Amino acid sequence: MASSHESVPPLCGSEIERFLAAVQQHPCVYDTKRMDYRDAERKNNAWEQIRVYSGLSKVDECLKLWKRLRDRYARELKAIQATKRSGSGYVS
């Protein structure tokens, strides 16, 4: 079975930071409270700018990388919150 992440090239820490900095400049792609979050054309333009800045070859790679990073963050946050409730120490 093919991994959903296989089309995203491996990136080093500084490349991921560059990607996240590019995403941060375009809240319309992640902030659901913004009016322009539902504007597909604006989001497509934002992802194209993110692609150029981050050096990835396709917008699809940016979308997959964003989903992978966002999902990982959510899992880590959930694990931390669970350990705070249980009182046990968090081990990553």
Protein backbone atom coordinates (compact mmCIF):
# COMPACT_ATOMS: atom_id res chain seq x y z
CA MET A 1 0.00 0.00 0.00
CA ALA A 2 1.42 3.38 -0.98
CA SER A 3 2.00 5.99 1.68
CA SER A 4 0.06 9.24 1.33
CA HIS A 5 3.30 11.07 2.08
CA GLU A 6 5.49 9.42 -0.56
CA SER A 7 5.16 12.24 -3.08
CA VAL A 8 6.52 14.80 -0.62
CA PRO A 9 10.30 14.88 -0.83
CA PRO A 10 12.16 14.54 2.49
CA LEU A 11 12.97 17.94 3.94
CA CYS A 12 15.48 19.04 6.55
CA GLY A 13 14.55 21.19 9.54
CA SER A 14 15.41 24.50 7.89
CA GLU A 15 13.32 23.61 4.82
CA ILE A 16 10.35 22.78 7.02
CA GLU A 17 10.82 26.06 8.89
CA ARG A 18 10.91 27.91 5.55
CA PHE A 19 7.71 26.14 4.48
CA LEU A 20 5.96 26.98 7.77
CA ALA A 21 7.08 30.62 7.52
CA ALA A 22 5.54 30.76 4.04
CA VAL A 23 2.28 29.23 5.29
CA GLN A 24 2.22 31.69 8.20
CA GLN A 25 2.22 34.57 5.70
CA HIS A 26 -1.07 33.25 4.24
CA PRO A 27 -3.63 32.80 7.04
CA CYS A 28 -6.36 32.18 4.45
CA VAL A 29 -5.07 28.60 4.10
CA TYR A 30 -5.37 27.70 7.81
CA ASP A 31 -7.50 30.21 9.75
CA THR A 32 -11.09 28.99 9.47
CA LYS A 33 -12.40 32.18 11.11
CA ARG A 34 -11.19 34.39 8.27
CA MET A 35 -13.63 35.49 5.57
CA ASP A 36 -11.18 34.53 2.82
CA TYR A 37 -10.78 30.96 4.13
CA ARG A 38 -13.63 29.87 1.84
CA ASP A 39 -12.29 31.78 -1.17
CA ALA A 40 -10.89 28.96 -3.31
CA GLU A 41 -9.15 31.26 -5.79
CA ARG A 42 -7.38 33.19 -3.05
CA LYS A 43 -6.30 29.95 -1.36
CA ASN A 44 -5.03 28.52 -4.65
CA ASN A 45 -2.99 31.68 -5.22
CA ALA A 46 -1.65 31.50 -1.67
CA TRP A 47 -0.60 27.85 -2.09
CA GLU A 48 1.16 28.73 -5.34
CA GLN A 49 3.10 31.49 -3.55
CA ILE A 50 3.93 29.06 -0.73
CA ARG A 51 5.14 26.52 -3.31
CA VAL A 52 7.45 29.06 -4.94
CA TYR A 53 8.86 30.33 -1.63
CA SER A 54 9.37 26.86 -0.17
CA GLY A 55 10.98 25.45 -3.32
CA LEU A 56 8.61 22.51 -3.68
CA SER A 57 7.81 21.50 -7.23
CA LYS A 58 4.01 21.16 -6.99
CA VAL A 59 1.19 22.70 -4.99
CA ASP A 60 -0.01 19.16 -4.27
CA GLU A 61 3.27 18.54 -2.39
CA CYS A 62 2.63 21.64 -0.29
CA LEU A 63 -0.88 20.48 0.57
CA LYS A 64 0.33 17.01 1.56
CA LEU A 65 3.20 18.41 3.63
CA TRP A 66 0.86 20.86 5.38
CA LYS A 67 -1.56 18.03 6.22
CA ARG A 68 1.27 15.82 7.49
CA LEU A 69 2.70 18.58 9.71
CA ARG A 70 -0.73 19.65 10.97
CA ASP A 71 -1.72 16.06 11.79
CA ARG A 72 1.57 15.44 13.60
CA TYR A 73 1.12 18.62 15.64
CA ALA A 74 -2.43 17.59 16.60
CA ARG A 75 -1.24 14.11 17.69
CA GLU A 76 1.59 15.56 19.79
CA LEU A 77 -0.69 18.14 21.38
CA LYS A 78 -3.26 15.46 22.21
CA ALA A 79 -0.57 13.28 23.81
CA ILE A 80 0.70 16.18 25.91
CA GLN A 81 -2.82 17.04 27.07
CA ALA A 82 -3.49 13.40 27.95
CA THR A 83 -0.37 13.23 30.13
CA LYS A 84 -1.37 16.43 31.92
CA ARG A 85 -4.74 14.88 32.76
CA SER A 86 -3.24 11.57 33.88
CA GLY A 87 -0.36 13.11 35.79
CA SER A 88 2.23 10.86 34.16
CA GLY A 89 5.34 12.21 32.47
CA TYR A 90 5.30 12.82 28.72
CA VAL A 91 7.73 10.76 26.68
CA SER A 92 8.02 11.43 22.95
